[in-house]
Amino acid sequence: MIASWPSASHRAAARCRREALRYVAVDATDLDHRVRTRSGCIPPHPVSRLLELGHAEAVGYWAGRGEWFCARERARLLGEQGLRAEALEILAPYLATGWWTATRTTAKLLESWGRADEAIALTLSRVKAGHPSALESYARLLARHGRGDEAFTLLRPHIDDRILATALVDVAAGTRHDEEAAALLAARIPDGHRCDTPWCCRGLAPDTAIGLLAVIRERQGRVDEAAALLRTRNGTSVNGRDQLADLLARHDRTGELRAYAATEVLGHAAQCLAELLEERGDVEGAITVYERACGSSVSRGTMTVQLARLLARHGREDEAIELMRDAAGGADDWILHVLCALCADAGRPEDGLAFLDAIEERRGEEEWDLFWIRLPLLAACDRVDEAIERARAHPEGGTSYAAPHIAELLAGAGRTEEAVEVLRPHASANRHELAGYLIDLGRVEEAVTVLRRDESRPPRPSTTARSAEPPF
């Protein structure tokens, strides 16, 4: 049985907070495991939902009982109310474990309150303790508060570390150290060497060094040199963005960007060019860029989706749907998801259903991965009961992965209690969804019980030099 929430009075709340703080988990390994895996804890979204629905006292209660995301939000809110001592009191037991996440969060709060010296001292304590992430945060914190020279000196011996080298380049901005940083990077770019894979070199890979050196040259106004450097890299795209394309766009070198987009096979440069043209109001030009990329890029499906979304943004939903209809014939299911979403957004759910019916006729019985796409379309046609009935009758309708889709239909129809009952047998696989509906129903204690029930245990440090166990 979970204890009742603290009293709303200030004195009683303070007393309960002091009592609750004694229950905070003191094991940093356990804290880190639960926060990284979002298991056995109250994750960020439920915490936000609790606050949104007026359950601040519940959040405060669990903040003192080992729930980090509750503590983080509670401390933030207390700080905004000017109750900074109380905010730090909430974070103190987590901080005392030596856990880096608590240190970083507390330092950010202190800095936001104008107490940079305290933030710097706190972060330095973790640098001295040898935490691997502390040095980067410490150096960046120093640089933000007028101590860029000191930050650069600290980072300089670590130029072979990719993360710290990136920080070095950033803290050098606004100091006299740009050329020194450039020299350190240039020394790590062997003449004629090109990396064939991201794992080619130990330490700072030459391609990474080139990218960082280009950042410095652009910052110095040496754009030609920066662009020339980037053209020597094996690849300039990371996480869907192309560094060379972005550089050319920032400096209005549209002609060079067009030429580059015509040869860059991933389509990232074409996307950059299309975004630039759209921002300038040249929608037709952006469409033309995407159309060409659809024919030449190895990411044809992605380029088609980008074009369809561009058309939809500019009121040309019918064209977007036709484009995706052509692309969806025999395509991957994710293309069908986009097509049906466009149909729903355009107020044409029947068209999406008709296309899915045609797919079903060709393929036979739909597997759940494709079948569930039709459920929101049926709901949009005021056929919620039919959607629920068909979902339950589906061969996979009783599985843990089907349950959240059925629950969403029920909740959308105002039948949240039924959504809870659908999810309850599959609670271990759908904890967050089940807890969310329980919170919506005001059953907070039950929701917290569901979220905190987790049989997994954090991995313990190995006593051997190398473990044969997989990392997950």
Protein backbone atom coordinates (compact mmCIF):
# COMPACT_ATOMS: atom_id res chain seq x y z
CA MET A 1 0.00 0.00 0.00
CA ILE A 2 1.48 3.35 -1.02
CA ALA A 3 1.46 6.04 1.65
CA SER A 4 -0.85 9.01 1.17
CA TRP A 5 0.54 12.19 -0.34
CA PRO A 6 1.98 14.90 1.94
CA SER A 7 -0.24 17.65 3.27
CA ALA A 8 -0.54 20.78 1.17
CA SER A 9 0.49 23.06 4.03
CA HIS A 10 4.01 24.46 3.80
CA ARG A 11 5.09 23.20 7.21
CA ALA A 12 3.69 19.72 6.73
CA ALA A 13 5.14 19.51 3.21
CA ALA A 14 8.59 20.49 4.50
CA ARG A 15 8.39 17.86 7.25
CA CYS A 16 7.28 15.17 4.80
CA ARG A 17 10.01 16.18 2.38
CA ARG A 18 12.70 15.78 5.02
CA GLU A 19 11.28 12.40 5.99
CA ALA A 20 10.95 11.25 2.38
CA LEU A 21 14.52 12.19 1.49
CA ARG A 22 15.76 9.39 3.73
CA TYR A 23 14.30 6.86 1.30
CA VAL A 24 16.22 7.96 -1.78
CA ALA A 25 18.15 5.11 -3.39
CA VAL A 26 21.83 5.57 -2.66
CA ASP A 27 23.10 3.24 -5.38
CA ALA A 28 24.31 5.27 -8.35
CA THR A 29 24.51 2.15 -10.56
CA ASP A 30 20.86 1.36 -9.91
CA LEU A 31 19.83 4.96 -10.52
CA ASP A 32 21.73 5.10 -13.78
CA HIS A 33 20.28 1.80 -15.00
CA ARG A 34 16.70 2.82 -14.28
CA VAL A 35 17.08 6.24 -15.86
CA ARG A 36 18.81 4.96 -19.01
CA THR A 37 16.37 2.10 -19.55
CA ARG A 38 13.27 3.96 -18.28
CA SER A 39 12.47 0.78 -16.34
CA GLY A 40 11.36 0.42 -12.74
CA CYS A 41 10.85 4.17 -12.45
CA ILE A 42 8.43 6.99 -13.26
CA PRO A 43 9.67 8.26 -16.67
CA PRO A 44 9.54 11.89 -17.89
CA HIS A 45 6.23 11.75 -19.79
CA PRO A 46 4.15 10.41 -16.87
CA VAL A 47 5.79 12.99 -14.61
CA SER A 48 4.76 15.77 -16.99
CA ARG A 49 1.25 14.31 -17.18
CA LEU A 50 0.98 14.20 -13.39
CA LEU A 51 1.95 17.85 -13.17
CA GLU A 52 -0.39 18.79 -16.00
CA LEU A 53 -3.32 17.17 -14.17
CA GLY A 54 -2.52 18.86 -10.87
CA HIS A 55 -0.71 16.07 -9.03
CA ALA A 56 2.32 18.16 -7.99
CA GLU A 57 2.19 16.78 -4.45
CA ALA A 58 2.52 13.24 -5.77
CA VAL A 59 5.53 14.26 -7.84
CA GLY A 60 7.08 15.90 -4.79
CA TYR A 61 6.44 12.81 -2.70
CA TRP A 62 8.15 10.46 -5.13
CA ALA A 63 10.97 12.93 -5.71
CA GLY A 64 12.09 12.05 -2.20
CA ARG A 65 11.80 8.33 -2.73
CA GLY A 66 14.32 7.59 -5.42
CA GLU A 67 12.34 8.77 -8.47
CA TRP A 68 14.86 10.85 -10.36
CA PHE A 69 12.58 12.32 -13.01
CA CYS A 70 10.18 13.45 -10.29
CA ALA A 71 13.09 15.00 -8.40
CA ARG A 72 14.39 16.77 -11.47
CA GLU A 73 11.01 18.33 -12.29
CA ARG A 74 10.27 19.17 -8.67
CA ALA A 75 13.61 20.93 -8.30
CA ARG A 76 13.07 22.87 -11.51
CA LEU A 77 9.64 24.05 -10.39
CA LEU A 78 10.87 25.01 -6.93
CA GLY A 79 13.69 27.00 -8.54
CA GLU A 80 11.21 28.86 -10.74
CA GLN A 81 9.24 29.73 -7.61
CA GLY A 82 12.35 31.16 -5.97
CA LEU A 83 12.60 28.26 -3.50
CA ARG A 84 16.13 27.41 -4.48
CA ALA A 85 17.28 25.99 -1.16
CA GLU A 86 14.37 23.54 -1.26
CA ALA A 87 15.24 22.65 -4.85
CA LEU A 88 18.80 21.79 -3.90
CA GLU A 89 17.54 19.83 -0.90
CA ILE A 90 15.50 17.63 -3.25
CA LEU A 91 18.57 16.91 -5.41
CA ALA A 92 21.07 16.52 -2.56
CA PRO A 93 20.61 12.76 -1.89
CA TYR A 94 21.03 11.97 -5.58
CA LEU A 95 24.06 14.22 -5.75
CA ALA A 96 25.57 12.49 -2.74
CA THR A 97 25.75 9.19 -4.65
CA GLY A 98 28.33 10.70 -7.02
CA TRP A 99 26.01 10.02 -9.93
CA TRP A 100 27.02 12.18 -12.88
CA THR A 101 23.49 12.88 -14.11
CA ALA A 102 22.61 14.44 -10.75
CA THR A 103 25.80 16.50 -10.81
CA ARG A 104 25.15 17.81 -14.31
CA THR A 105 21.52 18.65 -13.54
CA THR A 106 22.38 20.46 -10.33
CA ALA A 107 25.15 22.41 -12.05
CA LYS A 108 22.75 23.51 -14.82
CA LEU A 109 20.26 24.73 -12.23
CA LEU A 110 22.92 26.66 -10.35
CA GLU A 111 24.14 28.22 -13.58
CA SER A 112 20.59 29.20 -14.59
CA TRP A 113 20.20 30.92 -11.22
CA GLY A 114 23.32 33.02 -11.81
CA ARG A 115 25.46 30.95 -9.44
CA ALA A 116 28.08 29.95 -11.98
CA ASP A 117 30.94 29.73 -9.48
CA GLU A 118 29.07 27.07 -7.52
CA ALA A 119 28.26 25.19 -10.72
CA ILE A 120 31.92 25.28 -11.73
CA ALA A 121 33.08 24.05 -8.32
CA LEU A 122 30.55 21.24 -8.32
CA THR A 123 31.52 20.05 -11.80
CA LEU A 124 35.21 20.28 -10.94
CA SER A 125 34.63 17.85 -8.07
CA ARG A 126 33.57 15.22 -10.60
CA VAL A 127 36.54 16.02 -12.86
CA LYS A 128 38.83 15.34 -9.92
CA ALA A 129 36.95 12.11 -9.24
CA GLY A 130 37.77 11.02 -12.79
CA HIS A 131 34.30 10.89 -14.28
CA PRO A 132 34.71 10.47 -18.08
CA SER A 133 32.04 13.04 -19.03
CA ALA A 134 32.92 15.69 -16.48
CA LEU A 135 35.85 17.32 -18.27
CA GLU A 136 33.83 18.30 -21.32
CA SER A 137 31.05 19.83 -19.20
CA TYR A 138 33.56 21.59 -16.98
CA ALA A 139 35.45 23.11 -19.90
CA ARG A 140 32.29 24.30 -21.62
CA LEU A 141 31.06 25.79 -18.36
CA LEU A 142 34.33 27.68 -17.93
CA ALA A 143 34.14 29.00 -21.50
CA ARG A 144 30.56 30.23 -21.04
CA HIS A 145 31.71 32.31 -18.11
CA GLY A 146 34.72 34.09 -19.53
CA ARG A 147 37.38 31.47 -18.82
CA GLY A 148 37.88 30.20 -22.36
CA ASP A 149 41.69 30.26 -22.14
CA GLU A 150 41.61 28.01 -19.10
CA ALA A 151 39.14 25.68 -20.80
CA PHE A 152 41.31 25.42 -23.90
CA THR A 153 44.39 24.58 -21.84
CA LEU A 154 42.51 21.79 -20.08
CA LEU A 155 41.25 20.25 -23.31
CA ARG A 156 44.38 20.58 -25.43
CA PRO A 157 46.05 17.33 -24.20
CA HIS A 158 42.89 15.41 -25.17
CA ILE A 159 42.79 16.33 -28.86
CA ASP A 160 42.66 12.64 -29.84
CA ASP A 161 39.29 12.21 -28.14
CA ARG A 162 36.48 13.03 -30.57
CA ILE A 163 34.12 14.51 -27.98
CA LEU A 164 36.81 16.56 -26.27
CA ALA A 165 38.25 17.69 -29.62
CA THR A 166 34.81 19.00 -30.56
CA ALA A 167 34.62 20.83 -27.25
CA LEU A 168 38.12 22.24 -27.85
CA VAL A 169 37.02 23.74 -31.18
CA ASP A 170 33.90 25.21 -29.57
CA VAL A 171 35.67 26.79 -26.59
CA ALA A 172 38.35 28.24 -28.87
CA ALA A 173 35.69 30.51 -30.41
CA GLY A 174 36.16 34.04 -29.19
CA THR A 175 39.65 33.35 -27.88
CA ARG A 176 43.08 33.71 -29.42
CA HIS A 177 43.40 29.93 -29.79
CA ASP A 178 41.75 29.27 -33.16
CA GLU A 179 45.06 28.82 -34.96
CA GLU A 180 46.50 26.62 -32.23
CA ALA A 181 43.42 24.39 -32.43
CA ALA A 182 43.70 24.35 -36.22
CA ALA A 183 47.33 23.24 -36.00
CA LEU A 184 46.47 20.43 -33.60
CA LEU A 185 43.78 19.20 -35.98
CA ALA A 186 45.90 19.56 -39.11
CA ALA A 187 48.58 17.40 -37.51
CA ARG A 188 46.04 14.58 -37.38
CA ILE A 189 45.25 14.68 -41.10
CA PRO A 190 47.93 12.63 -42.91
CA ASP A 191 48.65 13.67 -46.49
CA GLY A 192 46.67 11.61 -48.96
CA HIS A 193 44.87 9.63 -46.29
CA ARG A 194 41.15 8.93 -46.50
CA CYS A 195 39.07 6.90 -44.06
CA ASP A 196 37.04 4.15 -45.71
CA THR A 197 34.98 3.45 -42.58
CA PRO A 198 34.22 5.28 -39.33
CA TRP A 199 36.38 2.69 -37.53
CA CYS A 200 39.44 3.23 -39.73
CA CYS A 201 41.68 5.01 -37.24
CA ARG A 202 42.35 4.96 -33.54
CA GLY A 203 41.84 8.22 -31.70
CA LEU A 204 40.61 11.18 -33.70
CA ALA A 205 39.81 9.99 -37.21
CA PRO A 206 41.19 12.18 -40.02
CA ASP A 207 37.69 12.74 -41.44
CA THR A 208 36.54 14.03 -38.05
CA ALA A 209 39.60 16.28 -37.80
CA ILE A 210 38.84 17.68 -41.27
CA GLY A 211 35.27 18.48 -40.26
CA LEU A 212 36.38 20.26 -37.11
CA LEU A 213 39.11 22.16 -38.95
CA ALA A 214 36.47 23.30 -41.46
CA VAL A 215 34.41 24.69 -38.57
CA ILE A 216 37.36 26.84 -37.53
CA ARG A 217 38.07 28.05 -41.07
CA GLU A 218 34.44 29.00 -41.61
CA ARG A 219 34.45 30.85 -38.30
CA GLN A 220 37.50 32.78 -39.48
CA GLY A 221 35.72 33.75 -42.68
CA ARG A 222 37.82 31.41 -44.81
CA VAL A 223 34.83 29.76 -46.42
CA ASP A 224 36.61 28.65 -49.59
CA GLU A 225 39.19 26.82 -47.53
CA ALA A 226 36.51 25.22 -45.34
CA ALA A 227 34.60 23.98 -48.38
CA ALA A 228 37.78 22.64 -49.99
CA LEU A 229 38.60 20.75 -46.80
CA LEU A 230 35.18 19.14 -46.64
CA ARG A 231 35.44 17.98 -50.24
CA THR A 232 38.41 15.82 -49.21
CA ARG A 233 36.35 13.83 -46.71
CA ASN A 234 35.11 10.35 -47.44
CA GLY A 235 31.61 11.48 -46.46
CA THR A 236 30.22 14.68 -45.01
CA SER A 237 26.80 13.39 -43.90
CA VAL A 238 26.08 12.62 -40.25
CA ASN A 239 22.61 11.93 -38.88
CA GLY A 240 20.91 13.08 -42.06
CA ARG A 241 22.75 16.42 -42.31
CA ASP A 242 25.56 17.15 -44.73
CA GLN A 243 28.22 19.50 -43.38
CA LEU A 244 29.36 20.72 -46.79
CA ALA A 245 25.80 21.33 -47.99
CA ASP A 246 24.93 23.24 -44.82
CA LEU A 247 28.08 25.35 -45.20
CA LEU A 248 27.21 26.27 -48.78
CA ALA A 249 23.62 27.10 -47.80
CA ARG A 250 24.69 29.34 -44.91
CA HIS A 251 26.85 31.39 -47.26
CA ASP A 252 24.32 31.63 -50.08
CA ARG A 253 26.49 29.65 -52.48
CA THR A 254 23.46 28.25 -54.23
CA GLY A 255 25.20 27.41 -57.49
CA GLU A 256 27.80 25.26 -55.75
CA LEU A 257 25.09 23.67 -53.64
CA ARG A 258 23.11 22.76 -56.78
CA ALA A 259 26.16 21.16 -58.32
CA TYR A 260 26.90 19.26 -55.14
CA ALA A 261 23.28 18.09 -54.76
CA ALA A 262 23.42 16.66 -58.29
CA THR A 263 26.25 14.30 -57.30
CA GLU A 264 25.63 13.56 -53.62
CA VAL A 265 23.95 10.15 -53.65
CA LEU A 266 22.36 10.09 -50.19
CA GLY A 267 20.07 13.00 -51.00
CA HIS A 268 21.06 15.05 -47.96
CA ALA A 269 22.47 17.86 -50.07
CA ALA A 270 19.31 17.87 -52.19
CA GLN A 271 17.22 18.15 -49.03
CA CYS A 272 19.37 21.06 -47.83
CA LEU A 273 18.95 22.84 -51.17
CA ALA A 274 15.19 22.23 -51.20
CA GLU A 275 14.86 23.60 -47.66
CA LEU A 276 16.82 26.70 -48.66
CA LEU A 277 14.63 27.32 -51.70
CA GLU A 278 11.43 26.76 -49.71
CA GLU A 279 12.57 29.29 -47.09
CA ARG A 280 13.04 31.81 -49.88
CA GLY A 281 9.54 31.17 -51.21
CA ASP A 282 10.67 29.23 -54.28
CA VAL A 283 8.40 26.24 -53.73
CA GLU A 284 8.49 25.17 -57.39
CA GLY A 285 12.27 25.16 -57.30
CA ALA A 286 12.25 23.00 -54.17
CA ILE A 287 9.83 20.58 -55.83
CA THR A 288 12.11 20.29 -58.85
CA VAL A 289 15.10 19.51 -56.61
CA TYR A 290 13.23 16.70 -54.87
CA GLU A 291 11.92 15.32 -58.15
CA ARG A 292 15.46 15.02 -59.47
CA ALA A 293 16.64 13.45 -56.22
CA CYS A 294 13.84 10.88 -56.40
CA GLY A 295 15.35 9.67 -59.65
CA SER A 296 19.02 9.70 -58.68
CA SER A 297 19.36 9.23 -54.91
CA VAL A 298 19.90 5.85 -53.29
CA SER A 299 17.35 7.09 -50.74
CA ARG A 300 14.55 7.37 -53.27
CA GLY A 301 11.81 6.53 -50.76
CA THR A 302 13.01 9.17 -48.31
CA MET A 303 13.19 11.81 -51.03
CA THR A 304 9.66 10.93 -52.19
CA VAL A 305 8.34 11.34 -48.66
CA GLN A 306 10.11 14.69 -48.31
CA LEU A 307 8.55 15.87 -51.58
CA ALA A 308 5.08 14.72 -50.50
CA ARG A 309 5.39 16.54 -47.18
CA LEU A 310 6.54 19.68 -49.00
CA LEU A 311 3.47 19.54 -51.24
CA ALA A 312 1.18 19.00 -48.26
CA ARG A 313 2.71 21.95 -46.39
CA HIS A 314 1.71 24.20 -49.28
CA GLY A 315 -1.88 23.07 -49.61
CA ARG A 316 -1.30 20.55 -52.39
CA GLU A 317 -2.48 17.50 -50.46
CA ASP A 318 -4.07 15.84 -53.48
CA GLU A 319 -0.74 15.88 -55.35
CA ALA A 320 1.05 14.60 -52.27
CA ILE A 321 -1.36 11.68 -51.92
CA GLU A 322 -1.09 10.76 -55.59
CA LEU A 323 2.68 10.86 -55.37
CA MET A 324 2.69 8.56 -52.34
CA ARG A 325 0.09 6.29 -53.90
CA ASP A 326 2.46 5.67 -56.81
CA ALA A 327 5.38 5.11 -54.44
CA ALA A 328 3.44 2.76 -52.15
CA GLY A 329 2.71 0.08 -54.73
CA GLY A 330 4.79 -2.85 -53.51
CA ALA A 331 6.85 -0.54 -51.31
CA ASP A 332 7.92 -0.96 -47.72
CA ASP A 333 5.19 -0.65 -45.12
CA TRP A 334 6.62 2.61 -43.80
CA ILE A 335 5.66 4.23 -47.10
CA LEU A 336 2.09 3.04 -46.53
CA HIS A 337 2.16 4.66 -43.08
CA VAL A 338 3.07 8.00 -44.64
CA LEU A 339 0.41 7.67 -47.33
CA CYS A 340 -2.33 6.90 -44.81
CA ALA A 341 -1.21 9.72 -42.52
CA LEU A 342 -1.44 12.14 -45.47
CA CYS A 343 -4.94 10.85 -46.27
CA ALA A 344 -6.03 11.35 -42.67
CA ASP A 345 -4.54 14.85 -42.44
CA ALA A 346 -6.24 15.81 -45.72
CA GLY A 347 -9.62 14.62 -44.47
CA ARG A 348 -9.63 11.70 -46.90
CA PRO A 349 -9.45 8.62 -44.64
CA GLU A 350 -11.68 6.65 -47.03
CA ASP A 351 -9.00 6.89 -49.71
CA GLY A 352 -6.43 5.47 -47.33
CA LEU A 353 -8.74 2.59 -46.47
CA ALA A 354 -9.41 1.90 -50.15
CA PHE A 355 -5.68 1.64 -50.83
CA LEU A 356 -5.18 -0.69 -47.87
CA ASP A 357 -8.08 -2.83 -49.09
CA ALA A 358 -6.38 -3.15 -52.47
CA ILE A 359 -3.12 -4.15 -50.77
CA GLU A 360 -4.96 -6.73 -48.67
CA GLU A 361 -6.62 -8.18 -51.76
CA ARG A 362 -3.21 -8.72 -53.37
CA ARG A 363 -1.37 -9.95 -50.27
CA GLY A 364 -4.11 -11.84 -48.46
CA GLU A 365 -4.49 -11.63 -44.68
CA GLU A 366 -2.73 -8.56 -43.31
CA GLU A 367 -0.16 -9.00 -40.58
CA TRP A 368 -0.61 -6.67 -37.64
CA ASP A 369 2.25 -4.38 -38.71
CA LEU A 370 0.15 -3.42 -41.73
CA PHE A 371 -3.33 -4.01 -40.34
CA TRP A 372 -3.09 -1.48 -37.50
CA ILE A 373 -2.55 1.39 -39.98
CA ARG A 374 -6.22 1.17 -40.91
CA LEU A 375 -7.48 1.57 -37.32
CA PRO A 376 -7.12 5.39 -37.02
CA LEU A 377 -8.55 5.71 -40.54
CA LEU A 378 -11.64 3.76 -39.50
CA ALA A 379 -11.93 5.94 -36.41
CA ALA A 380 -11.71 9.05 -38.59
CA CYS A 381 -14.69 7.68 -40.58
CA ASP A 382 -16.74 7.41 -37.34
CA ARG A 383 -16.35 3.63 -37.43
CA VAL A 384 -14.65 3.21 -34.07
CA ASP A 385 -16.75 0.26 -32.97
CA GLU A 386 -15.98 -1.53 -36.21
CA ALA A 387 -12.27 -0.80 -35.78
CA ILE A 388 -12.29 -2.23 -32.25
CA GLU A 389 -14.23 -5.31 -33.32
CA ARG A 390 -11.95 -6.00 -36.27
CA ALA A 391 -8.83 -5.45 -34.18
CA ARG A 392 -9.98 -7.89 -31.52
CA ALA A 393 -10.90 -10.44 -34.16
CA HIS A 394 -7.53 -10.22 -35.88
CA PRO A 395 -5.31 -13.32 -35.37
CA GLU A 396 -2.81 -11.12 -33.56
CA GLY A 397 -5.41 -9.02 -31.75
CA GLY A 398 -4.70 -10.65 -28.40
CA THR A 399 -0.96 -9.96 -28.42
CA SER A 400 0.93 -7.50 -26.27
CA TYR A 401 1.87 -5.41 -29.31
CA ALA A 402 -1.74 -5.15 -30.51
CA ALA A 403 -3.07 -4.11 -27.09
CA PRO A 404 -1.85 -0.47 -27.18
CA HIS A 405 -3.50 0.13 -30.56
CA ILE A 406 -6.83 -1.21 -29.31
CA ALA A 407 -6.48 0.74 -26.08
CA GLU A 408 -5.85 3.94 -28.04
CA LEU A 409 -9.09 3.43 -29.99
CA LEU A 410 -11.03 2.87 -26.77
CA ALA A 411 -9.52 5.85 -25.00
CA GLY A 412 -10.18 8.05 -28.02
CA ALA A 413 -13.83 7.04 -27.80
CA GLY A 414 -13.95 8.02 -24.12
CA ARG A 415 -13.75 4.41 -22.94
CA THR A 416 -10.57 4.74 -20.91
CA GLU A 417 -11.57 2.14 -18.31
CA GLU A 418 -11.87 -0.42 -21.10
CA ALA A 419 -8.47 0.67 -22.44
CA VAL A 420 -6.98 -0.11 -19.04
CA GLU A 421 -8.54 -3.57 -19.01
CA VAL A 422 -7.17 -4.32 -22.49
CA LEU A 423 -3.65 -3.37 -21.40
CA ARG A 424 -3.67 -4.95 -17.96
CA PRO A 425 -2.91 -8.54 -19.11
CA HIS A 426 0.05 -7.17 -21.05
CA ALA A 427 1.26 -4.71 -18.42
CA SER A 428 4.86 -5.91 -18.46
CA ALA A 429 5.19 -4.93 -22.13
CA ASN A 430 3.03 -1.80 -21.96
CA ARG A 431 3.77 -0.25 -18.57
CA HIS A 432 3.99 3.31 -19.81
CA GLU A 433 0.78 3.17 -21.83
CA LEU A 434 -1.17 1.54 -18.99
CA ALA A 435 0.15 4.01 -16.44
CA GLY A 436 -0.75 6.92 -18.69
CA TYR A 437 -4.42 5.87 -18.85
CA LEU A 438 -4.49 5.25 -15.10
CA ILE A 439 -3.15 8.75 -14.53
CA ASP A 440 -5.84 10.15 -16.81
CA LEU A 441 -8.40 8.35 -14.64
CA GLY A 442 -6.91 9.85 -11.48
CA ARG A 443 -5.64 6.47 -10.24
CA VAL A 444 -2.19 7.81 -9.49
CA GLU A 445 -1.08 5.31 -6.86
CA GLU A 446 -1.97 2.41 -9.14
CA ALA A 447 -0.10 4.04 -12.04
CA VAL A 448 3.02 4.47 -9.93
CA THR A 449 2.85 0.83 -8.83
CA VAL A 450 2.69 -0.28 -12.46
CA LEU A 451 5.66 1.87 -13.45
CA ARG A 452 7.87 0.84 -10.55
CA ARG A 453 7.20 -2.89 -10.97
CA ASP A 454 10.18 -4.19 -12.89
CA GLU A 455 11.98 -7.49 -12.53
CA SER A 456 15.14 -6.37 -14.34
CA ARG A 457 18.28 -5.57 -12.42
CA PRO A 458 21.13 -3.24 -13.36
CA PRO A 459 24.36 -4.87 -14.49
CA ARG A 460 27.08 -4.90 -11.87
CA PRO A 461 30.69 -3.98 -12.62
CA SER A 462 32.68 -7.01 -13.72
CA THR A 463 35.58 -8.19 -11.60
CA THR A 464 37.37 -9.49 -14.69
CA ALA A 465 39.24 -7.52 -17.31
CA ARG A 466 36.83 -8.54 -20.07
CA SER A 467 33.30 -9.91 -19.84
CA ALA A 468 31.90 -12.51 -22.20
CA GLU A 469 28.37 -11.26 -21.53
CA PRO A 470 26.61 -9.15 -24.19
CA PRO A 471 26.15 -5.48 -23.26
CA PHE A 472 22.34 -5.75 -23.18
